[in-house]
C-alpha atoms as a PDB file:
ATOM      1  CA  MET A   1      81.897 101.314 107.720  1.00  0.00           C
ATOM      2  CA  GLY A   2      83.727  99.382 111.287  1.00  0.00           C
ATOM      3  CA  GLU A   3      86.953 100.442 112.621  1.00  0.00           C
ATOM      4  CA  ASN A   4      90.251  99.379 109.899  1.00  0.00           C
ATOM      5  CA  ILE A   5      91.655  95.976 112.014  1.00  0.00           C
ATOM      6  CA  ASP A   6      94.867  97.075 112.545  1.00  0.00           C
ATOM      7  CA  ASP A   7      93.624  99.933 114.825  1.00  0.00           C
ATOM      8  CA  ILE A   8      91.979  97.889 116.626  1.00  0.00           C
ATOM      9  CA  LEU A   9      95.039  96.194 117.386  1.00  0.00           C
ATOM     10  CA  ASP A  10      96.884  99.158 118.170  1.00  0.00           C
ATOM     11  CA  GLU A  11      95.168 100.577 120.375  1.00  0.00           C
ATOM     12  CA  GLU A  12      94.525  96.656 122.388  1.00  0.00           C
ATOM     13  CA  ASN A  13      98.311  96.504 122.523  1.00  0.00           C
ATOM     14  CA  ARG A  14      98.710  99.819 123.963  1.00  0.00           C
ATOM     15  CA  LEU A  15      96.009  99.680 126.269  1.00  0.00           C
ATOM     16  CA  LYS A  16      98.166  96.262 127.944  1.00  0.00           C
ATOM     17  CA  ASN A  17     100.579  98.056 128.315  1.00  0.00           C
ATOM     18  CA  TYR A  18      99.414 101.042 129.708  1.00  0.00           C
ATOM     19  CA  HIS A  19     100.627 102.086 132.579  1.00  0.00           C
ATOM     20  CA  GLY A  20      99.496 105.645 134.410  1.00  0.00           C
ATOM     21  CA  LEU A  21      98.280 106.815 137.228  1.00  0.00           C
ATOM     22  CA  ASP A  22      95.259 105.671 136.697  1.00  0.00           C
ATOM     23  CA  GLU A  23      95.732 102.888 135.201  1.00  0.00           C
ATOM     24  CA  CYS A  24      93.720  99.400 136.218  1.00  0.00           C
ATOM     25  CA  VAL A  25      95.139  96.772 138.937  1.00  0.00           C
ATOM     26  CA  LEU A  26      94.551  94.395 141.319  1.00  0.00           C
ATOM     27  CA  SER A  27      93.222  95.195 144.530  1.00  0.00           C
ATOM     28  CA  VAL A  28      95.608  93.786 146.178  1.00  0.00           C
ATOM     29  CA  ASP A  29      97.965  95.815 145.155  1.00  0.00           C
ATOM     30  CA  LEU A  30      96.164  99.105 144.918  1.00  0.00           C
ATOM     31  CA  LEU A  31      96.213  98.154 148.623  1.00  0.00           C
ATOM     32  CA  HIS A  32      99.444  97.513 148.670  1.00  0.00           C
ATOM     33  CA  ILE A  33     100.183 101.188 146.977  1.00  0.00           C
ATOM     34  CA  LEU A  34      97.920 102.755 149.214  1.00  0.00           C
ATOM     35  CA  ASN A  35      99.629 101.434 152.397  1.00  0.00           C
ATOM     36  CA  GLU A  36     102.808 102.343 151.063  1.00  0.00           C
ATOM     37  CA  ARG A  37     101.661 106.104 150.039  1.00  0.00           C
ATOM     38  CA  GLU A  38     100.026 106.483 154.558  1.00  0.00           C
ATOM     39  CA  LYS A  39     103.690 105.408 155.344  1.00  0.00           C
ATOM     40  CA  HIS A  40     104.635 108.383 153.664  1.00  0.00           C
ATOM     41  CA  ALA A  41     101.678 110.675 153.760  1.00  0.00           C
ATOM     42  CA  PRO A  42      99.356 109.948 156.541  1.00  0.00           C
ATOM     43  CA  GLY A  43      95.900 111.333 155.996  1.00  0.00           C
ATOM     44  CA  VAL A  44      93.635 114.308 157.255  1.00  0.00           C
ATOM     45  CA  ALA A  45      92.307 113.104 160.768  1.00  0.00           C
ATOM     46  CA  LEU A  46      90.547 116.293 162.129  1.00  0.00           C
ATOM     47  CA  LYS A  47      88.656 115.704 165.501  1.00  0.00           C
ATOM     48  CA  SER A  48      86.702 118.527 166.546  1.00  0.00           C
ATOM     49  CA  GLY A  49      88.064 118.753 170.290  1.00  0.00           C
ATOM     50  CA  ILE A  50      84.142 117.174 171.364  1.00  0.00           C
ATOM     51  CA  PRO A  51      84.552 115.276 173.564  1.00  0.00           C
ATOM     52  CA  LYS A  52      81.197 113.242 173.303  1.00  0.00           C
ATOM     53  CA  LEU A  53      81.013 114.528 169.547  1.00  0.00           C
ATOM     54  CA  ASP A  54      84.906 112.597 168.868  1.00  0.00           C
ATOM     55  CA  SER A  55      83.780 109.475 170.760  1.00  0.00           C
ATOM     56  CA  LEU A  56      80.994 109.437 168.355  1.00  0.00           C
ATOM     57  CA  LEU A  57      82.566 109.949 164.738  1.00  0.00           C
ATOM     58  CA  HIS A  58      85.903 109.599 165.887  1.00  0.00           C
ATOM     59  CA  ARG A  59      87.335 111.824 162.882  1.00  0.00           C
ATOM     60  CA  PHE A  60      86.558 113.458 160.468  1.00  0.00           C
ATOM     61  CA  SER A  61      88.585 112.148 157.568  1.00  0.00           C
ATOM     62  CA  GLY A  62      90.090 113.926 154.188  1.00  0.00           C
ATOM     63  CA  GLY A  63      87.868 112.962 151.281  1.00  0.00           C
ATOM     64  CA  GLU A  64      84.897 113.942 153.820  1.00  0.00           C
ATOM     65  CA  LEU A  65      81.997 116.400 152.709  1.00  0.00           C
ATOM     66  CA  VAL A  66      80.001 117.612 155.784  1.00  0.00           C
ATOM     67  CA  THR A  67      76.930 119.365 156.007  1.00  0.00           C
ATOM     68  CA  ILE A  68      75.961 121.888 159.384  1.00  0.00           C
ATOM     69  CA  SER A  69      72.436 122.792 159.296  1.00  0.00           C
ATOM     70  CA  GLY A  70      69.691 123.885 161.781  1.00  0.00           C
ATOM     71  CA  PRO A  71      67.821 127.218 161.856  1.00  0.00           C
ATOM     72  CA  THR A  72      68.723 130.231 160.853  1.00  0.00           C
ATOM     73  CA  LYS A  73      70.890 132.596 163.737  1.00  0.00           C
ATOM     74  CA  MET A  74      71.019 129.614 165.808  1.00  0.00           C
ATOM     75  CA  GLY A  75      74.483 129.191 165.873  1.00  0.00           C
ATOM     76  CA  LYS A  76      76.350 127.152 162.425  1.00  0.00           C
ATOM     77  CA  THR A  77      78.491 129.835 162.075  1.00  0.00           C
ATOM     78  CA  LEU A  78      79.500 129.961 165.536  1.00  0.00           C
ATOM     79  CA  PHE A  79      80.265 126.382 165.753  1.00  0.00           C
ATOM     80  CA  ALA A  80      81.544 126.022 162.459  1.00  0.00           C
ATOM     81  CA  GLN A  81      84.455 128.415 164.248  1.00  0.00           C
ATOM     82  CA  THR A  82      84.593 126.325 166.672  1.00  0.00           C
ATOM     83  CA  LEU A  83      85.669 123.702 164.761  1.00  0.00           C
ATOM     84  CA  THR A  84      88.357 126.461 163.806  1.00  0.00           C
ATOM     85  CA  ARG A  85      89.930 126.481 166.795  1.00  0.00           C
ATOM     86  CA  ASN A  86      89.994 123.824 168.015  1.00  0.00           C
ATOM     87  CA  PHE A  87      91.533 121.922 164.997  1.00  0.00           C
ATOM     88  CA  LEU A  88      94.538 124.579 164.983  1.00  0.00           C
ATOM     89  CA  ARG A  89      95.097 123.108 168.327  1.00  0.00           C
ATOM     90  CA  ASP A  90      96.232 120.135 166.230  1.00  0.00           C
ATOM     91  CA  GLY A  91      97.919 122.063 164.230  1.00  0.00           C
ATOM     92  CA  HIS A  92      95.739 122.302 161.515  1.00  0.00           C
ATOM     93  CA  GLY A  93      94.916 124.636 159.438  1.00  0.00           C
ATOM     94  CA  SER A  94      91.319 126.130 158.047  1.00  0.00           C
ATOM     95  CA  LEU A  95      90.380 128.304 155.244  1.00  0.00           C
ATOM     96  CA  TRP A  96      86.768 129.752 154.956  1.00  0.00           C
ATOM     97  CA  PHE A  97      84.309 131.333 152.604  1.00  0.00           C
ATOM     98  CA  THR A  98      81.730 133.215 154.943  1.00  0.00           C
ATOM     99  CA  TYR A  99      79.443 135.045 152.078  1.00  0.00           C
ATOM    100  CA  GLU A 100      76.514 136.011 155.742  1.00  0.00           C
ATOM    101  CA  VAL A 101      78.930 138.809 157.292  1.00  0.00           C
ATOM    102  CA  PRO A 102      81.179 141.314 155.994  1.00  0.00           C
ATOM    103  CA  PRO A 103      84.949 139.422 156.839  1.00  0.00           C
ATOM    104  CA  HIS A 104      85.799 142.229 159.631  1.00  0.00           C
ATOM    105  CA  GLN A 105      82.492 141.484 161.261  1.00  0.00           C
ATOM    106  CA  PHE A 106      83.234 137.656 160.511  1.00  0.00           C
ATOM    107  CA  LEU A 107      86.767 138.093 162.128  1.00  0.00           C
ATOM    108  CA  LYS A 108      85.568 140.064 165.151  1.00  0.00           C
ATOM    109  CA  GLN A 109      83.205 137.496 166.384  1.00  0.00           C
ATOM    110  CA  PHE A 110      86.249 135.125 167.283  1.00  0.00           C
ATOM    111  CA  GLY A 111      87.499 137.858 169.715  1.00  0.00           C
ATOM    112  CA  GLU A 112      90.336 140.321 169.766  1.00  0.00           C
ATOM    113  CA  GLU A 113      92.436 138.210 168.842  1.00  0.00           C
ATOM    114  CA  PRO A 114      91.083 134.929 166.002  1.00  0.00           C
ATOM    115  CA  PRO A 115      92.841 131.918 165.638  1.00  0.00           C
ATOM    116  CA  LEU A 116      94.892 131.841 161.566  1.00  0.00           C
ATOM    117  CA  PHE A 117      93.221 130.508 159.575  1.00  0.00           C
ATOM    118  CA  VAL A 118      93.143 131.741 155.875  1.00  0.00           C
ATOM    119  CA  MET A 119      90.295 133.604 153.837  1.00  0.00           C
ATOM    120  CA  PRO A 120      90.508 135.106 150.394  1.00  0.00           C
ATOM    121  CA  LYS A 121      90.648 138.939 150.547  1.00  0.00           C
ATOM    122  CA  GLN A 122      87.652 138.795 148.363  1.00  0.00           C
ATOM    123  CA  LEU A 123      84.826 136.724 147.975  1.00  0.00           C
ATOM    124  CA  THR A 124      83.456 135.698 143.948  1.00  0.00           C
ATOM    125  CA  SER A 125      79.969 134.108 144.009  1.00  0.00           C
ATOM    126  CA  HIS A 126      78.815 131.320 141.529  1.00  0.00           C
ATOM    127  CA  MET A 127      81.739 130.708 140.232  1.00  0.00           C
ATOM    128  CA  LEU A 128      83.288 126.832 141.336  1.00  0.00           C
ATOM    129  CA  THR A 129      86.228 126.936 138.983  1.00  0.00           C
ATOM    130  CA  TRP A 130      87.922 130.392 141.240  1.00  0.00           C
ATOM    131  CA  LEU A 131      86.595 128.257 144.301  1.00  0.00           C
ATOM    132  CA  LYS A 132      88.859 125.545 143.659  1.00  0.00           C
ATOM    133  CA  GLU A 133      91.609 127.596 142.681  1.00  0.00           C
ATOM    134  CA  ARG A 134      91.560 129.820 145.770  1.00  0.00           C
ATOM    135  CA  ILE A 135      90.978 125.906 147.684  1.00  0.00           C
ATOM    136  CA  TRP A 136      94.455 124.559 145.990  1.00  0.00           C
ATOM    137  CA  GLU A 137      96.084 128.106 146.601  1.00  0.00           C
ATOM    138  CA  ALA A 138      95.513 127.922 150.127  1.00  0.00           C
ATOM    139  CA  ILE A 139      97.017 124.575 150.445  1.00  0.00           C
ATOM    140  CA  LEU A 140      99.512 125.078 148.674  1.00  0.00           C
ATOM    141  CA  LYS A 141     100.949 127.801 150.737  1.00  0.00           C
ATOM    142  CA  PHE A 142      99.212 127.605 154.022  1.00  0.00           C
ATOM    143  CA  GLY A 143      98.551 123.409 154.342  1.00  0.00           C
ATOM    144  CA  VAL A 144      94.924 123.735 155.392  1.00  0.00           C
ATOM    145  CA  LYS A 145      93.262 120.999 156.615  1.00  0.00           C
ATOM    146  CA  ALA A 146      89.693 122.014 156.935  1.00  0.00           C
ATOM    147  CA  VAL A 147      87.481 124.341 154.090  1.00  0.00           C
ATOM    148  CA  PHE A 148      83.860 125.632 155.399  1.00  0.00           C
ATOM    149  CA  ILE A 149      82.316 127.258 153.029  1.00  0.00           C
ATOM    150  CA  ASP A 150      79.076 129.804 154.505  1.00  0.00           C
ATOM    151  CA  ASN A 151      76.389 128.567 152.639  1.00  0.00           C
ATOM    152  CA  THR A 152      75.780 126.744 150.170  1.00  0.00           C
ATOM    153  CA  HIS A 153      73.487 129.441 148.415  1.00  0.00           C
ATOM    154  CA  ASN A 154      75.862 131.985 147.825  1.00  0.00           C
ATOM    155  CA  LEU A 155      76.994 129.837 145.625  1.00  0.00           C
ATOM    156  CA  LEU A 156      74.120 129.121 143.637  1.00  0.00           C
ATOM    157  CA  ASN A 157      71.983 131.177 140.889  1.00  0.00           C
ATOM    158  CA  ILE A 158      68.885 130.741 142.584  1.00  0.00           C
ATOM    159  CA  SER A 159      67.767 132.966 139.548  1.00  0.00           C
ATOM    160  CA  VAL A 160      67.544 129.988 137.414  1.00  0.00           C
ATOM    161  CA  GLN A 161      65.090 127.063 137.387  1.00  0.00           C
ATOM    162  CA  ASN A 162      66.296 123.371 138.947  1.00  0.00           C
ATOM    163  CA  LEU A 163      68.075 124.852 141.777  1.00  0.00           C
ATOM    164  CA  SER A 164      67.224 121.444 142.835  1.00  0.00           C
ATOM    165  CA  ASN A 165      69.904 120.010 140.261  1.00  0.00           C
ATOM    166  CA  GLN A 166      72.093 122.862 141.054  1.00  0.00           C
ATOM    167  CA  VAL A 167      72.488 121.750 144.951  1.00  0.00           C
ATOM    168  CA  GLY A 168      73.089 118.720 143.840  1.00  0.00           C
ATOM    169  CA  GLU A 169      76.007 119.167 141.102  1.00  0.00           C
ATOM    170  CA  LEU A 170      76.901 121.505 143.115  1.00  0.00           C
ATOM    171  CA  LEU A 171      77.846 118.576 146.609  1.00  0.00           C
ATOM    172  CA  LYS A 172      79.027 115.991 143.972  1.00  0.00           C
ATOM    173  CA  PHE A 173      82.033 119.101 142.786  1.00  0.00           C
ATOM    174  CA  LEU A 174      82.353 119.873 146.334  1.00  0.00           C
ATOM    175  CA  LYS A 175      82.625 115.838 147.279  1.00  0.00           C
ATOM    176  CA  ALA A 176      85.445 115.384 144.682  1.00  0.00           C
ATOM    177  CA  MET A 177      87.418 118.286 145.973  1.00  0.00           C
ATOM    178  CA  ALA A 178      87.760 116.263 149.380  1.00  0.00           C
ATOM    179  CA  ILE A 179      88.883 113.711 147.974  1.00  0.00           C
ATOM    180  CA  GLU A 180      90.840 115.050 145.170  1.00  0.00           C
ATOM    181  CA  PHE A 181      92.756 117.601 147.363  1.00  0.00           C
ATOM    182  CA  ASP A 182      92.504 114.933 150.976  1.00  0.00           C
ATOM    183  CA  ILE A 183      90.734 117.986 152.638  1.00  0.00           C
ATOM    184  CA  VAL A 184      87.164 118.120 154.618  1.00  0.00           C
ATOM    185  CA  ILE A 185      84.809 120.397 153.351  1.00  0.00           C
ATOM    186  CA  PHE A 186      82.342 122.115 155.216  1.00  0.00           C
ATOM    187  CA  LEU A 187      78.912 123.184 154.036  1.00  0.00           C
ATOM    188  CA  LEU A 188      76.777 125.492 156.221  1.00  0.00           C
ATOM    189  CA  HIS A 189      73.415 125.353 154.391  1.00  0.00           C
ATOM    190  CA  HIS A 190      70.115 125.945 155.253  1.00  0.00           C
ATOM    191  CA  LEU A 191      66.990 124.354 156.902  1.00  0.00           C
ATOM    192  CA  VAL A 192      63.253 124.608 154.623  1.00  0.00           C
ATOM    193  CA  LYS A 193      61.469 127.721 156.092  1.00  0.00           C
ATOM    194  CA  GLY A 194      59.333 126.779 159.578  1.00  0.00           C
ATOM    195  CA  LYS A 195      59.346 126.838 163.240  1.00  0.00           C
ATOM    196  CA  LEU A 196      60.627 123.781 164.627  1.00  0.00           C
ATOM    197  CA  ASP A 197      59.940 122.980 168.468  1.00  0.00           C
ATOM    198  CA  ASN A 198      62.553 120.210 168.855  1.00  0.00           C
ATOM    199  CA  GLY A 199      65.064 118.779 167.945  1.00  0.00           C
ATOM    200  CA  GLU A 200      62.938 115.779 167.847  1.00  0.00           C
ATOM    201  CA  GLU A 201      61.690 116.859 164.175  1.00  0.00           C
ATOM    202  CA  ILE A 202      65.233 118.131 162.678  1.00  0.00           C
ATOM    203  CA  GLY A 203      66.322 115.609 160.146  1.00  0.00           C
ATOM    204  CA  SER A 204      67.831 115.309 156.958  1.00  0.00           C
ATOM    205  CA  HIS A 205      64.128 115.548 155.299  1.00  0.00           C
ATOM    206  CA  LEU A 206      64.721 119.251 156.282  1.00  0.00           C
ATOM    207  CA  LEU A 207      67.902 120.247 154.340  1.00  0.00           C
ATOM    208  CA  ARG A 208      67.095 122.878 151.792  1.00  0.00           C
ATOM    209  CA  ASP A 209      66.309 122.618 147.930  1.00  0.00           C
ATOM    210  CA  SER A 210      67.692 119.074 147.768  1.00  0.00           C
ATOM    211  CA  SER A 211      68.010 115.607 149.222  1.00  0.00           C
ATOM    212  CA  MET A 212      71.304 115.485 147.290  1.00  0.00           C
ATOM    213  CA  VAL A 213      73.029 117.715 150.585  1.00  0.00           C
ATOM    214  CA  ALA A 214      72.427 114.285 152.669  1.00  0.00           C
ATOM    215  CA  GLN A 215      72.613 111.689 150.161  1.00  0.00           C
ATOM    216  CA  THR A 216      76.314 113.707 148.873  1.00  0.00           C
ATOM    217  CA  SER A 217      77.610 114.253 152.522  1.00  0.00           C
ATOM    218  CA  ASP A 218      79.629 112.025 155.086  1.00  0.00           C
ATOM    219  CA  THR A 219      78.254 113.546 158.255  1.00  0.00           C
ATOM    220  CA  VAL A 220      74.948 116.184 158.706  1.00  0.00           C
ATOM    221  CA  MET A 221      74.418 117.935 161.517  1.00  0.00           C
ATOM    222  CA  PHE A 222      72.492 119.373 163.094  1.00  0.00           C
ATOM    223  CA  ILE A 223      72.627 123.032 166.054  1.00  0.00           C
ATOM    224  CA  TRP A 224      69.750 125.024 167.337  1.00  0.00           C
ATOM    225  CA  ARG A 225      70.072 127.038 170.439  1.00  0.00           C
ATOM    226  CA  GLU A 226      68.421 125.467 172.965  1.00  0.00           C
ATOM    227  CA  LYS A 227      64.675 127.333 173.964  1.00  0.00           C
ATOM    228  CA  ASP A 228      64.600 129.876 176.558  1.00  0.00           C
ATOM    229  CA  THR A 229      68.632 130.325 176.727  1.00  0.00           C
ATOM    230  CA  ILE A 230      71.371 132.332 175.194  1.00  0.00           C
ATOM    231  CA  ASN A 231      74.571 129.583 175.478  1.00  0.00           C
ATOM    232  CA  ARG A 232      73.479 126.801 175.191  1.00  0.00           C
ATOM    233  CA  SER A 233      72.577 124.469 172.817  1.00  0.00           C
ATOM    234  CA  THR A 234      72.845 121.425 170.729  1.00  0.00           C
ATOM    235  CA  VAL A 235      74.123 118.878 168.267  1.00  0.00           C
ATOM    236  CA  LYS A 236      72.169 116.391 166.435  1.00  0.00           C
ATOM    237  CA  ILE A 237      74.224 113.794 164.177  1.00  0.00           C
ATOM    238  CA  THR A 238      71.451 112.880 162.157  1.00  0.00           C
ATOM    239  CA  GLU A 239      73.626 110.538 159.279  1.00  0.00           C
ATOM    240  CA  ASN A 240      77.107 109.238 159.517  1.00  0.00           C
ATOM    241  CA  ARG A 241      78.748 107.389 155.971  1.00  0.00           C
ATOM    242  CA  ALA A 242      79.980 104.919 158.483  1.00  0.00           C
ATOM    243  CA  PHE A 243      77.649 104.474 161.452  1.00  0.00           C
ATOM    244  CA  GLY A 244      74.064 104.833 159.317  1.00  0.00           C
ATOM    245  CA  VAL A 245      71.243 106.950 160.848  1.00  0.00           C
ATOM    246  CA  MET A 246      72.720 108.361 164.130  1.00  0.00           C
ATOM    247  CA  ASN A 247      70.446 110.458 166.013  1.00  0.00           C
ATOM    248  CA  GLU A 248      73.213 111.084 168.951  1.00  0.00           C
ATOM    249  CA  TYR A 249      72.767 114.532 170.728  1.00  0.00           C
ATOM    250  CA  VAL A 250      75.829 116.337 172.336  1.00  0.00           C
ATOM    251  CA  ASP A 251      75.079 119.623 174.444  1.00  0.00           C
ATOM    252  CA  LEU A 252      77.284 122.614 174.073  1.00  0.00           C
ATOM    253  CA  ILE A 253      77.692 125.962 176.316  1.00  0.00           C
ATOM    254  CA  LYS A 254      78.593 129.147 174.752  1.00  0.00           C
ATOM    255  CA  ILE A 255      81.959 130.497 177.018  1.00  0.00           C
ATOM    256  CA  GLY A 256      83.912 133.034 175.586  1.00  0.00           C
ATOM    257  CA  ASN A 257      83.739 133.412 172.033  1.00  0.00           C
ATOM    258  CA  PHE A 258      83.176 129.333 171.652  1.00  0.00           C
ATOM    259  CA  LEU A 259      81.064 126.343 172.226  1.00  0.00           C
ATOM    260  CA  GLU A 260      82.062 123.853 174.626  1.00  0.00           C
ATOM    261  CA  GLU A 261      80.825 120.221 175.505  1.00  0.00           C
ATOM    262  CA  ALA A 262      78.431 121.146 178.587  1.00  0.00           C
ATOM    263  CA  MET A 263      79.148 118.716 181.347  1.00  0.00           C
ATOM    264  CA  LEU A 264      75.182 118.331 182.380  1.00  0.00           C
END
């Protein structure tokens, strides 16, 4: 049996007169609403503090998911820590989820006086509802604008099958959170196993476990330490949603506990 005609007419009337946060509006009206909202609450725009990187990307904007990858122990965390310090210089706080090392060791990597940022007292793995709650909490309590997750696979149950699907669903979840909270989420992600001899070989096809990592991310960057050096690194920006395939390089040098642009 079909629906009652009176019920259909009532539903049509309700939808015609619906006014809510998710109602359908004309493009010009939506643009006006967003412009007015921007005047009163400007969107998040984070500068890396690394001149060449900022000249290439301009900024990291709220709603973006940024993937940082590279060979193991070649500077991913150090690069992210540098961004944390540099964002703070402009008054933008960060939240860290670091699964790679114990909290005390992680904090000591910043030096005797780490910059101010936020961390949970205790971490929970494989719980995306917990992750979202902590992010929301940090935004409400501390006004954080950037979230760093080190790394992807600690948020997954790698003992089950279809790991690639898990990664894809996680990336979509993180991207949706970045948009919902108007923050920038930085995800540290492993490469596939294997030795890389030079930066020309590094590209998004080497991101471990799922092509969805590159497809969902707004920016993909790789960092590695230059051969036969202990303090010089290179960042390669392979992709950016605004500019497409970039394959641009930024040379860095470690000074103290952080990275600075290397002036060649």
